Amino acid sequence: MMTGLRELKKLRTRRAIQEQALRLFLEKGYAATTVEEIAAAAEVSPATFFRYFPTKEDVVLSDEYDPLIERLLAERPADEPPVQRVRRALAAGFAQVYAADRDRLLARVRLILDTPALRARLWENQLATQELLRRALGGREDTVEEALRTRLIAAGCVTAVVTALITWVETGGTADLPDLVDRALATLEAGFQDT
């Protein structure tokens, strides 16, 4: 029971730091906000901030989405076509995230797109998610062609999601994000059906 309570407290602290950081970034701007200000607003020390987030960029870019995607992919049938598998897993994942965190997600994506330092770091996150998808899809990679195809599918899926997110932000968040993600992945899926 103690472990459960401890983990819950850590999750709440992490969430409070992220919420206060986002609030301050929106009020003052990303560059004008210090880690010390974020820590004070979240009622933690700067050292505690850095225990949860190694850098200021991480407070915006870190989320629980990759573990969720990995779990949802593992629940899909292994013989399902790869893009369809990602599409269906993400449909379930985005429905959960969108329902619980729509406004926060919109603010985060806007901030990332508007802040050069965050956009630069986003590339690292995309590569990590792409690698997670590649491993989770578990395709054969015995030949260069098989490895290339698996990597293309993973990269295409990540790009489709990012494109849907950018489109969503450009609509001011009025479009339905899960629908945009699904449509982007459906387009990708159609392209891979002939290969």
N, C-alpha and C. Protein backbone atom coordinates (compact mmCIF):
# COMPACT_ATOMS: atom_id res chain seq x y z
N MET A 1 0.82 -1.20 0.00
CA MET A 1 0.00 0.00 0.00
C MET A 1 0.87 1.26 0.00
N MET A 2 1.99 1.25 0.74
CA MET A 2 2.86 2.41 0.80
C MET A 2 3.42 2.74 -0.59
N THR A 3 3.80 1.70 -1.34
CA THR A 3 4.33 1.95 -2.67
C THR A 3 3.28 2.64 -3.53
N GLY A 4 2.04 2.21 -3.46
CA GLY A 4 0.97 2.83 -4.22
C GLY A 4 0.78 4.29 -3.85
N LEU A 5 0.82 4.59 -2.57
CA LEU A 5 0.67 5.97 -2.11
C LEU A 5 1.86 6.82 -2.54
N ARG A 6 3.03 6.25 -2.43
CA ARG A 6 4.25 6.96 -2.82
C ARG A 6 4.22 7.29 -4.31
N GLU A 7 3.83 6.32 -5.11
CA GLU A 7 3.76 6.54 -6.56
C GLU A 7 2.70 7.58 -6.90
N LEU A 8 1.58 7.55 -6.19
CA LEU A 8 0.53 8.54 -6.40
C LEU A 8 1.02 9.94 -6.07
N LYS A 9 1.76 10.06 -4.97
CA LYS A 9 2.31 11.36 -4.57
C LYS A 9 3.31 11.86 -5.62
N LYS A 10 4.15 10.97 -6.14
CA LYS A 10 5.10 11.34 -7.18
C LYS A 10 4.37 11.82 -8.44
N LEU A 11 3.33 11.10 -8.80
CA LEU A 11 2.55 11.47 -9.98
C LEU A 11 1.90 12.84 -9.80
N ARG A 12 1.36 13.09 -8.61
CA ARG A 12 0.74 14.39 -8.32
C ARG A 12 1.77 15.51 -8.35
N THR A 13 2.94 15.26 -7.79
CA THR A 13 4.00 16.27 -7.79
C THR A 13 4.43 16.57 -9.22
N ARG A 14 4.65 15.53 -9.99
CA ARG A 14 5.04 15.69 -11.40
C ARG A 14 4.00 16.50 -12.16
N ARG A 15 2.76 16.15 -11.95
CA ARG A 15 1.66 16.84 -12.64
C ARG A 15 1.59 18.32 -12.20
N ALA A 16 1.76 18.58 -10.90
CA ALA A 16 1.71 19.96 -10.40
C ALA A 16 2.83 20.80 -11.00
N ILE A 17 4.02 20.22 -11.09
CA ILE A 17 5.15 20.94 -11.69
C ILE A 17 4.83 21.27 -13.15
N GLN A 18 4.33 20.29 -13.89
CA GLN A 18 4.01 20.51 -15.30
C GLN A 18 2.90 21.55 -15.47
N GLU A 19 1.88 21.47 -14.64
CA GLU A 19 0.77 22.43 -14.75
C GLU A 19 1.23 23.85 -14.46
N GLN A 20 2.04 24.01 -13.42
CA GLN A 20 2.54 25.35 -13.08
C GLN A 20 3.50 25.86 -14.16
N ALA A 21 4.32 24.98 -14.68
CA ALA A 21 5.24 25.39 -15.75
C ALA A 21 4.46 25.87 -16.97
N LEU A 22 3.47 25.10 -17.36
CA LEU A 22 2.67 25.47 -18.52
C LEU A 22 1.96 26.81 -18.29
N ARG A 23 1.41 26.98 -17.10
CA ARG A 23 0.73 28.24 -16.77
C ARG A 23 1.70 29.42 -16.88
N LEU A 24 2.89 29.26 -16.29
CA LEU A 24 3.89 30.34 -16.33
C LEU A 24 4.39 30.60 -17.76
N PHE A 25 4.61 29.54 -18.52
CA PHE A 25 5.07 29.71 -19.89
C PHE A 25 4.04 30.49 -20.71
N LEU A 26 2.77 30.18 -20.49
CA LEU A 26 1.71 30.89 -21.22
C LEU A 26 1.58 32.34 -20.77
N GLU A 27 1.81 32.58 -19.48
CA GLU A 27 1.72 33.95 -18.94
C GLU A 27 2.93 34.81 -19.30
N LYS A 28 4.13 34.26 -19.10
CA LYS A 28 5.36 35.05 -19.21
C LYS A 28 6.18 34.76 -20.47
N GLY A 29 5.92 33.63 -21.07
CA GLY A 29 6.75 33.18 -22.18
C GLY A 29 7.74 32.13 -21.69
N TYR A 30 8.12 31.25 -22.57
CA TYR A 30 9.02 30.16 -22.21
C TYR A 30 10.38 30.69 -21.75
N ALA A 31 10.99 31.55 -22.55
CA ALA A 31 12.34 32.03 -22.25
C ALA A 31 12.39 32.87 -20.98
N ALA A 32 11.31 33.58 -20.68
CA ALA A 32 11.30 34.48 -19.52
C ALA A 32 11.00 33.76 -18.21
N THR A 33 10.63 32.50 -18.28
CA THR A 33 10.28 31.74 -17.08
C THR A 33 11.48 30.92 -16.61
N THR A 34 11.79 31.01 -15.32
CA THR A 34 12.92 30.26 -14.77
C THR A 34 12.44 28.99 -14.07
N VAL A 35 13.35 28.05 -13.93
CA VAL A 35 13.05 26.83 -13.18
C VAL A 35 12.70 27.18 -11.74
N GLU A 36 13.38 28.16 -11.18
CA GLU A 36 13.10 28.58 -9.79
C GLU A 36 11.66 29.06 -9.65
N GLU A 37 11.18 29.81 -10.64
CA GLU A 37 9.79 30.29 -10.61
C GLU A 37 8.80 29.13 -10.71
N ILE A 38 9.11 28.18 -11.56
CA ILE A 38 8.24 27.01 -11.71
C ILE A 38 8.20 26.24 -10.40
N ALA A 39 9.36 25.99 -9.82
CA ALA A 39 9.44 25.24 -8.56
C ALA A 39 8.65 25.96 -7.47
N ALA A 40 8.82 27.26 -7.35
CA ALA A 40 8.09 28.03 -6.32
C ALA A 40 6.58 27.93 -6.54
N ALA A 41 6.14 28.05 -7.78
CA ALA A 41 4.71 27.98 -8.08
C ALA A 41 4.14 26.59 -7.77
N ALA A 42 4.96 25.55 -7.96
CA ALA A 42 4.53 24.18 -7.69
C ALA A 42 4.77 23.77 -6.24
N GLU A 43 5.34 24.70 -5.46
CA GLU A 43 5.64 24.46 -4.04
C GLU A 43 6.60 23.30 -3.82
N VAL A 44 7.65 23.30 -4.67
CA VAL A 44 8.74 22.33 -4.53
C VAL A 44 10.05 23.09 -4.66
N SER A 45 11.13 22.44 -4.32
CA SER A 45 12.45 23.07 -4.47
C SER A 45 12.93 22.89 -5.91
N PRO A 46 13.88 23.72 -6.34
CA PRO A 46 14.47 23.49 -7.67
C PRO A 46 15.10 22.09 -7.78
N ALA A 47 15.67 21.60 -6.69
CA ALA A 47 16.25 20.24 -6.72
C ALA A 47 15.16 19.20 -7.01
N THR A 48 13.99 19.38 -6.42
CA THR A 48 12.88 18.47 -6.68
C THR A 48 12.46 18.57 -8.14
N PHE A 49 12.38 19.80 -8.66
CA PHE A 49 12.07 19.99 -10.08
C PHE A 49 13.00 19.11 -10.92
N PHE A 50 14.32 19.22 -10.66
CA PHE A 50 15.29 18.49 -11.48
C PHE A 50 15.27 16.98 -11.24
N ARG A 51 14.72 16.53 -10.12
CA ARG A 51 14.54 15.08 -9.93
C ARG A 51 13.47 14.55 -10.88
N TYR A 52 12.50 15.38 -11.17
CA TYR A 52 11.41 14.97 -12.06
C TYR A 52 11.71 15.28 -13.53
N PHE A 53 12.40 16.38 -13.78
CA PHE A 53 12.66 16.84 -15.14
C PHE A 53 14.10 17.31 -15.25
N PRO A 54 14.94 16.61 -16.01
CA PRO A 54 16.35 16.96 -16.11
C PRO A 54 16.61 18.36 -16.68
N THR A 55 15.69 18.85 -17.52
CA THR A 55 15.85 20.17 -18.13
C THR A 55 14.52 20.90 -18.15
N LYS A 56 14.58 22.18 -18.41
CA LYS A 56 13.35 22.98 -18.54
C LYS A 56 12.53 22.48 -19.73
N GLU A 57 13.18 22.08 -20.81
CA GLU A 57 12.46 21.55 -21.98
C GLU A 57 11.66 20.31 -21.62
N ASP A 58 12.24 19.47 -20.75
CA ASP A 58 11.58 18.22 -20.40
C ASP A 58 10.24 18.41 -19.69
N VAL A 59 10.08 19.53 -18.98
CA VAL A 59 8.82 19.76 -18.28
C VAL A 59 7.67 19.92 -19.28
N VAL A 60 7.99 20.35 -20.49
CA VAL A 60 6.97 20.47 -21.53
C VAL A 60 6.89 19.19 -22.36
N LEU A 61 8.02 18.62 -22.69
CA LEU A 61 8.06 17.51 -23.64
C LEU A 61 7.78 16.15 -23.02
N SER A 62 7.98 16.00 -21.72
CA SER A 62 7.76 14.70 -21.07
C SER A 62 6.28 14.44 -20.89
N ASP A 63 5.90 13.21 -21.19
CA ASP A 63 4.52 12.80 -20.96
C ASP A 63 4.48 11.29 -20.78
N GLU A 64 3.31 10.77 -20.56
CA GLU A 64 3.15 9.34 -20.34
C GLU A 64 2.64 8.63 -21.59
N TYR A 65 2.73 9.27 -22.75
CA TYR A 65 2.10 8.73 -23.95
C TYR A 65 2.83 7.52 -24.51
N ASP A 66 4.16 7.53 -24.54
CA ASP A 66 4.88 6.38 -25.11
C ASP A 66 4.57 5.08 -24.37
N PRO A 67 4.60 5.06 -23.03
CA PRO A 67 4.23 3.81 -22.35
C PRO A 67 2.79 3.38 -22.65
N LEU A 68 1.89 4.35 -22.79
CA LEU A 68 0.50 4.04 -23.15
C LEU A 68 0.44 3.42 -24.54
N ILE A 69 1.14 4.01 -25.49
CA ILE A 69 1.17 3.48 -26.86
C ILE A 69 1.74 2.06 -26.87
N GLU A 70 2.83 1.88 -26.14
CA GLU A 70 3.47 0.56 -26.08
C GLU A 70 2.51 -0.49 -25.52
N ARG A 71 1.80 -0.15 -24.45
CA ARG A 71 0.84 -1.08 -23.85
C ARG A 71 -0.30 -1.39 -24.82
N LEU A 72 -0.84 -0.36 -25.46
CA LEU A 72 -1.96 -0.56 -26.38
C LEU A 72 -1.54 -1.37 -27.60
N LEU A 73 -0.32 -1.18 -28.09
CA LEU A 73 0.17 -1.99 -29.20
C LEU A 73 0.33 -3.45 -28.79
N ALA A 74 0.79 -3.67 -27.58
CA ALA A 74 0.97 -5.05 -27.09
C ALA A 74 -0.37 -5.78 -26.98
N GLU A 75 -1.44 -5.03 -26.79
CA GLU A 75 -2.77 -5.62 -26.67
C GLU A 75 -3.39 -5.95 -28.03
N ARG A 76 -2.83 -5.44 -29.11
CA ARG A 76 -3.37 -5.69 -30.45
C ARG A 76 -2.88 -7.05 -30.95
N PRO A 77 -3.64 -7.68 -31.85
CA PRO A 77 -3.20 -8.96 -32.42
C PRO A 77 -1.88 -8.80 -33.18
N ALA A 78 -0.96 -9.70 -32.95
CA ALA A 78 0.37 -9.61 -33.57
C ALA A 78 0.32 -9.78 -35.08
N ASP A 79 -0.71 -10.47 -35.59
CA ASP A 79 -0.80 -10.69 -37.03
C ASP A 79 -1.54 -9.58 -37.78
N GLU A 80 -1.95 -8.57 -37.06
CA GLU A 80 -2.63 -7.43 -37.68
C GLU A 80 -1.62 -6.66 -38.55
N PRO A 81 -2.03 -6.17 -39.72
CA PRO A 81 -1.10 -5.37 -40.52
C PRO A 81 -0.54 -4.21 -39.70
N PRO A 82 0.75 -3.89 -39.84
CA PRO A 82 1.42 -2.96 -38.93
C PRO A 82 0.77 -1.58 -38.81
N VAL A 83 0.44 -0.93 -39.92
CA VAL A 83 -0.14 0.42 -39.81
C VAL A 83 -1.52 0.34 -39.19
N GLN A 84 -2.28 -0.68 -39.54
CA GLN A 84 -3.60 -0.86 -38.94
C GLN A 84 -3.48 -1.09 -37.43
N ARG A 85 -2.48 -1.83 -37.05
CA ARG A 85 -2.24 -2.09 -35.63
C ARG A 85 -1.95 -0.79 -34.88
N VAL A 86 -1.08 0.04 -35.44
CA VAL A 86 -0.78 1.34 -34.83
C VAL A 86 -2.03 2.21 -34.83
N ARG A 87 -2.73 2.23 -35.95
CA ARG A 87 -3.94 3.06 -36.07
C ARG A 87 -4.96 2.72 -35.00
N ARG A 88 -5.22 1.45 -34.81
CA ARG A 88 -6.22 1.04 -33.81
C ARG A 88 -5.74 1.28 -32.38
N ALA A 89 -4.46 1.05 -32.14
CA ALA A 89 -3.92 1.32 -30.80
C ALA A 89 -3.98 2.81 -30.49
N LEU A 90 -3.60 3.64 -31.47
CA LEU A 90 -3.63 5.08 -31.25
C LEU A 90 -5.05 5.62 -31.15
N ALA A 91 -5.99 4.99 -31.84
CA ALA A 91 -7.38 5.43 -31.71
C ALA A 91 -7.83 5.30 -30.26
N ALA A 92 -7.49 4.19 -29.64
CA ALA A 92 -7.84 3.99 -28.22
C ALA A 92 -7.06 4.96 -27.34
N GLY A 93 -5.78 5.12 -27.62
CA GLY A 93 -4.93 6.00 -26.81
C GLY A 93 -5.32 7.46 -26.91
N PHE A 94 -5.55 7.94 -28.13
CA PHE A 94 -5.91 9.35 -28.28
C PHE A 94 -7.28 9.65 -27.71
N ALA A 95 -8.18 8.69 -27.75
CA ALA A 95 -9.50 8.91 -27.14
C ALA A 95 -9.34 9.15 -25.64
N GLN A 96 -8.48 8.37 -24.98
CA GLN A 96 -8.24 8.54 -23.54
C GLN A 96 -7.56 9.87 -23.24
N VAL A 97 -6.49 10.16 -23.95
CA VAL A 97 -5.70 11.38 -23.72
C VAL A 97 -6.54 12.61 -24.03
N TYR A 98 -7.24 12.58 -25.14
CA TYR A 98 -8.03 13.72 -25.59
C TYR A 98 -9.14 14.03 -24.59
N ALA A 99 -9.80 13.00 -24.10
CA ALA A 99 -10.88 13.21 -23.13
C ALA A 99 -10.36 13.80 -21.82
N ALA A 100 -9.20 13.34 -21.38
CA ALA A 100 -8.67 13.76 -20.08
C ALA A 100 -7.84 15.05 -20.14
N ASP A 101 -7.16 15.29 -21.25
CA ASP A 101 -6.14 16.35 -21.30
C ASP A 101 -6.23 17.26 -22.51
N ARG A 102 -7.38 17.40 -23.13
CA ARG A 102 -7.50 18.15 -24.38
C ARG A 102 -6.86 19.54 -24.30
N ASP A 103 -7.27 20.35 -23.33
CA ASP A 103 -6.79 21.74 -23.24
C ASP A 103 -5.29 21.80 -22.94
N ARG A 104 -4.85 20.92 -22.05
CA ARG A 104 -3.43 20.88 -21.70
C ARG A 104 -2.59 20.45 -22.90
N LEU A 105 -3.08 19.45 -23.63
CA LEU A 105 -2.38 18.98 -24.82
C LEU A 105 -2.31 20.09 -25.87
N LEU A 106 -3.40 20.80 -26.07
CA LEU A 106 -3.41 21.90 -27.04
C LEU A 106 -2.39 22.97 -26.65
N ALA A 107 -2.37 23.34 -25.39
CA ALA A 107 -1.42 24.35 -24.91
C ALA A 107 0.02 23.87 -25.08
N ARG A 108 0.27 22.59 -24.77
CA ARG A 108 1.62 22.04 -24.91
C ARG A 108 2.09 22.06 -26.36
N VAL A 109 1.22 21.61 -27.26
CA VAL A 109 1.62 21.54 -28.67
C VAL A 109 1.84 22.95 -29.22
N ARG A 110 0.98 23.88 -28.86
CA ARG A 110 1.18 25.28 -29.29
C ARG A 110 2.53 25.81 -28.80
N LEU A 111 2.81 25.55 -27.53
CA LEU A 111 4.07 26.02 -26.94
C LEU A 111 5.27 25.41 -27.66
N ILE A 112 5.20 24.12 -27.94
CA ILE A 112 6.29 23.43 -28.64
C ILE A 112 6.50 24.04 -30.03
N LEU A 113 5.41 24.25 -30.75
CA LEU A 113 5.52 24.79 -32.10
C LEU A 113 6.02 26.23 -32.12
N ASP A 114 5.72 26.98 -31.06
CA ASP A 114 6.11 28.40 -31.00
C ASP A 114 7.48 28.65 -30.37
N THR A 115 8.12 27.61 -29.83
CA THR A 115 9.37 27.80 -29.09
C THR A 115 10.50 27.03 -29.77
N PRO A 116 11.47 27.73 -30.36
CA PRO A 116 12.55 27.05 -31.09
C PRO A 116 13.27 25.97 -30.28
N ALA A 117 13.57 26.23 -29.01
CA ALA A 117 14.29 25.23 -28.19
C ALA A 117 13.47 23.96 -28.03
N LEU A 118 12.16 24.10 -27.92
CA LEU A 118 11.29 22.93 -27.77
C LEU A 118 11.13 22.19 -29.10
N ARG A 119 11.02 22.95 -30.18
CA ARG A 119 10.91 22.31 -31.50
C ARG A 119 12.15 21.47 -31.78
N ALA A 120 13.31 21.99 -31.42
CA ALA A 120 14.56 21.26 -31.64
C ALA A 120 14.57 19.95 -30.85
N ARG A 121 14.11 20.00 -29.62
CA ARG A 121 14.09 18.79 -28.78
C ARG A 121 12.99 17.82 -29.20
N LEU A 122 11.96 18.32 -29.85
CA LEU A 122 10.87 17.45 -30.30
C LEU A 122 11.39 16.36 -31.23
N TRP A 123 12.39 16.69 -32.03
CA TRP A 123 12.99 15.71 -32.94
C TRP A 123 13.49 14.49 -32.17
N GLU A 124 14.15 14.71 -31.04
CA GLU A 124 14.63 13.60 -30.21
C GLU A 124 13.45 12.74 -29.74
N ASN A 125 12.39 13.38 -29.30
CA ASN A 125 11.21 12.65 -28.83
C ASN A 125 10.59 11.83 -29.96
N GLN A 126 10.53 12.43 -31.14
CA GLN A 126 9.97 11.72 -32.28
C GLN A 126 10.79 10.48 -32.62
N LEU A 127 12.11 10.61 -32.58
CA LEU A 127 12.96 9.45 -32.86
C LEU A 127 12.77 8.36 -31.81
N ALA A 128 12.62 8.75 -30.55
CA ALA A 128 12.39 7.76 -29.49
C ALA A 128 11.05 7.05 -29.70
N THR A 129 10.02 7.79 -30.06
CA THR A 129 8.71 7.18 -30.32
C THR A 129 8.78 6.29 -31.55
N GLN A 130 9.49 6.73 -32.56
CA GLN A 130 9.66 5.92 -33.76
C GLN A 130 10.34 4.59 -33.43
N GLU A 131 11.37 4.64 -32.61
CA GLU A 131 12.07 3.42 -32.21
C GLU A 131 11.16 2.52 -31.38
N LEU A 132 10.38 3.10 -30.50
CA LEU A 132 9.41 2.33 -29.71
C LEU A 132 8.44 1.61 -30.64
N LEU A 133 7.91 2.31 -31.64
CA LEU A 133 6.99 1.69 -32.59
C LEU A 133 7.68 0.57 -33.36
N ARG A 134 8.89 0.82 -33.81
CA ARG A 134 9.63 -0.20 -34.57
C ARG A 134 9.77 -1.48 -33.76
N ARG A 135 10.16 -1.32 -32.49
CA ARG A 135 10.31 -2.50 -31.62
C ARG A 135 8.96 -3.16 -31.35
N ALA A 136 7.95 -2.35 -31.07
CA ALA A 136 6.63 -2.88 -30.73
C ALA A 136 6.00 -3.62 -31.90
N LEU A 137 6.26 -3.16 -33.10
CA LEU A 137 5.70 -3.83 -34.27
C LEU A 137 6.38 -5.18 -34.50
N GLY A 138 7.63 -5.28 -34.06
CA GLY A 138 8.33 -6.57 -34.07
C GLY A 138 8.40 -7.23 -35.43
N GLY A 139 8.45 -6.44 -36.48
CA GLY A 139 8.54 -7.02 -37.81
C GLY A 139 9.88 -7.69 -38.04
N ARG A 140 9.91 -8.56 -39.02
CA ARG A 140 11.17 -9.20 -39.38
C ARG A 140 12.09 -8.16 -39.98
N GLU A 141 13.34 -8.23 -39.62
CA GLU A 141 14.33 -7.31 -40.16
C GLU A 141 15.57 -8.08 -40.59
N ASP A 142 15.33 -9.26 -41.20
CA ASP A 142 16.43 -10.11 -41.63
C ASP A 142 17.16 -9.55 -42.84
N THR A 143 16.47 -8.76 -43.63
CA THR A 143 17.09 -8.18 -44.82
C THR A 143 17.03 -6.66 -44.71
N VAL A 144 17.80 -6.01 -45.53
CA VAL A 144 17.79 -4.55 -45.56
C VAL A 144 16.39 -4.05 -45.93
N GLU A 145 15.73 -4.73 -46.87
CA GLU A 145 14.39 -4.32 -47.30
C GLU A 145 13.39 -4.42 -46.16
N GLU A 146 13.45 -5.51 -45.38
CA GLU A 146 12.53 -5.67 -44.25
C GLU A 146 12.78 -4.62 -43.17
N ALA A 147 14.05 -4.37 -42.88
CA ALA A 147 14.39 -3.36 -41.87
C ALA A 147 13.94 -1.98 -42.33
N LEU A 148 14.15 -1.68 -43.61
CA LEU A 148 13.73 -0.40 -44.16
C LEU A 148 12.22 -0.25 -44.08
N ARG A 149 11.48 -1.29 -44.43
CA ARG A 149 10.01 -1.23 -44.40
C ARG A 149 9.51 -0.98 -42.97
N THR A 150 10.05 -1.71 -42.00
CA THR A 150 9.63 -1.54 -40.61
C THR A 150 9.92 -0.12 -40.13
N ARG A 151 11.09 0.37 -40.46
CA ARG A 151 11.45 1.74 -40.06
C ARG A 151 10.57 2.78 -40.76
N LEU A 152 10.27 2.55 -42.03
CA LEU A 152 9.39 3.46 -42.77
C LEU A 152 7.99 3.49 -42.17
N ILE A 153 7.49 2.35 -41.79
CA ILE A 153 6.16 2.30 -41.17
C ILE A 153 6.17 3.07 -39.86
N ALA A 154 7.17 2.82 -39.03
CA ALA A 154 7.26 3.52 -37.74
C ALA A 154 7.40 5.03 -37.95
N ALA A 155 8.29 5.43 -38.85
CA ALA A 155 8.49 6.87 -39.11
C ALA A 155 7.24 7.49 -39.71
N GLY A 156 6.60 6.77 -40.61
CA GLY A 156 5.37 7.27 -41.22
C GLY A 156 4.27 7.48 -40.21
N CYS A 157 4.15 6.55 -39.27
CA CYS A 157 3.12 6.67 -38.23
C CYS A 157 3.38 7.89 -37.34
N VAL A 158 4.63 8.08 -36.95
CA VAL A 158 4.98 9.24 -36.11
C VAL A 158 4.71 10.53 -36.88
N THR A 159 5.11 10.57 -38.14
CA THR A 159 4.88 11.76 -38.95
C THR A 159 3.40 12.03 -39.14
N ALA A 160 2.61 10.99 -39.33
CA ALA A 160 1.16 11.16 -39.48
C ALA A 160 0.55 11.78 -38.22
N VAL A 161 0.98 11.31 -37.06
CA VAL A 161 0.46 11.84 -35.79
C VAL A 161 0.89 13.30 -35.61
N VAL A 162 2.16 13.59 -35.87
CA VAL A 162 2.64 14.97 -35.73
C VAL A 162 1.90 15.90 -36.70
N THR A 163 1.68 15.44 -37.92
CA THR A 163 0.94 16.24 -38.90
C THR A 163 -0.49 16.49 -38.42
N ALA A 164 -1.12 15.48 -37.84
CA ALA A 164 -2.47 15.66 -37.29
C ALA A 164 -2.46 16.66 -36.14
N LEU A 165 -1.45 16.58 -35.27
CA LEU A 165 -1.34 17.52 -34.15
C LEU A 165 -1.17 18.96 -34.64
N ILE A 166 -0.32 19.15 -35.63
CA ILE A 166 -0.10 20.50 -36.17
C ILE A 166 -1.39 21.03 -36.81
N THR A 167 -2.07 20.19 -37.56
CA THR A 167 -3.34 20.58 -38.17
C THR A 167 -4.35 20.96 -37.10
N TRP A 168 -4.40 20.17 -36.05
CA TRP A 168 -5.32 20.43 -34.93
C TRP A 168 -5.04 21.79 -34.30
N VAL A 169 -3.77 22.07 -34.04
CA VAL A 169 -3.40 23.36 -33.44
C VAL A 169 -3.76 24.50 -34.39
N GLU A 170 -3.53 24.29 -35.68
CA GLU A 170 -3.84 25.34 -36.66
C GLU A 170 -5.34 25.64 -36.74
N THR A 171 -6.18 24.67 -36.35
CA THR A 171 -7.63 24.92 -36.31
C THR A 171 -8.04 25.56 -34.99
N GLY A 172 -7.06 25.83 -34.13
CA GLY A 172 -7.37 26.38 -32.81
C GLY A 172 -7.94 25.32 -31.88
N GLY A 173 -7.71 24.06 -32.23
CA GLY A 173 -8.23 22.97 -31.41
C GLY A 173 -9.70 22.68 -31.65
N THR A 174 -10.26 23.26 -32.73
CA THR A 174 -11.69 23.04 -32.99
C THR A 174 -11.95 21.71 -33.68
N ALA A 175 -10.99 21.23 -34.45
CA ALA A 175 -11.16 19.93 -35.10
C ALA A 175 -11.05 18.83 -34.04
N ASP A 176 -11.57 17.67 -34.35
CA ASP A 176 -11.51 16.53 -33.44
C ASP A 176 -10.17 15.82 -33.63
N LEU A 177 -9.30 15.91 -32.62
CA LEU A 177 -7.95 15.35 -32.74
C LEU A 177 -7.96 13.84 -33.00
N PRO A 178 -8.70 13.04 -32.24
CA PRO A 178 -8.68 11.61 -32.54
C PRO A 178 -9.09 11.31 -33.99
N ASP A 179 -10.04 12.07 -34.53
CA ASP A 179 -10.45 11.88 -35.92
C ASP A 179 -9.32 12.27 -36.88
N LEU A 180 -8.64 13.38 -36.60
CA LEU A 180 -7.52 13.79 -37.46
C LEU A 180 -6.41 12.74 -37.46
N VAL A 181 -6.09 12.21 -36.28
CA VAL A 181 -5.05 11.17 -36.18
C VAL A 181 -5.48 9.94 -36.96
N ASP A 182 -6.73 9.54 -36.81
CA ASP A 182 -7.22 8.36 -37.51
C ASP A 182 -7.18 8.57 -39.03
N ARG A 183 -7.59 9.74 -39.48
CA ARG A 183 -7.58 10.01 -40.93
C ARG A 183 -6.16 10.05 -41.47
N ALA A 184 -5.23 10.62 -40.72
CA ALA A 184 -3.83 10.65 -41.16
C ALA A 184 -3.27 9.23 -41.27
N LEU A 185 -3.57 8.41 -40.27
CA LEU A 185 -3.07 7.02 -40.29
C LEU A 185 -3.79 6.19 -41.35
N ALA A 186 -5.06 6.49 -41.63
CA ALA A 186 -5.79 5.78 -42.69
C ALA A 186 -5.14 6.07 -44.05
N THR A 187 -4.73 7.31 -44.26
CA THR A 187 -4.04 7.68 -45.50
C THR A 187 -2.73 6.92 -45.62
N LEU A 188 -1.99 6.85 -44.53
CA LEU A 188 -0.73 6.11 -44.52
C LEU A 188 -0.98 4.62 -44.75
N GLU A 189 -1.99 4.09 -44.09
CA GLU A 189 -2.32 2.67 -44.23
C GLU A 189 -2.64 2.34 -45.68
N ALA A 190 -3.38 3.20 -46.36
CA ALA A 190 -3.72 2.96 -47.76
C ALA A 190 -2.46 2.92 -48.62
N GLY A 191 -1.48 3.74 -48.29
CA GLY A 191 -0.23 3.76 -49.04
C GLY A 191 0.60 2.51 -48.86
N PHE A 192 0.50 1.85 -47.71
CA PHE A 192 1.29 0.64 -47.45
C PHE A 192 0.57 -0.64 -47.87
N GLN A 193 -0.68 -0.56 -48.27
CA GLN A 193 -1.41 -1.77 -48.64
C GLN A 193 -0.86 -2.44 -49.89
N ASP A 194 -0.24 -1.66 -50.74
CA ASP A 194 0.29 -2.22 -51.98
C ASP A 194 1.70 -2.77 -51.83
N THR A 195 2.30 -2.60 -50.64
CA THR A 195 3.69 -3.05 -50.49
C THR A 195 3.77 -4.36 -49.76
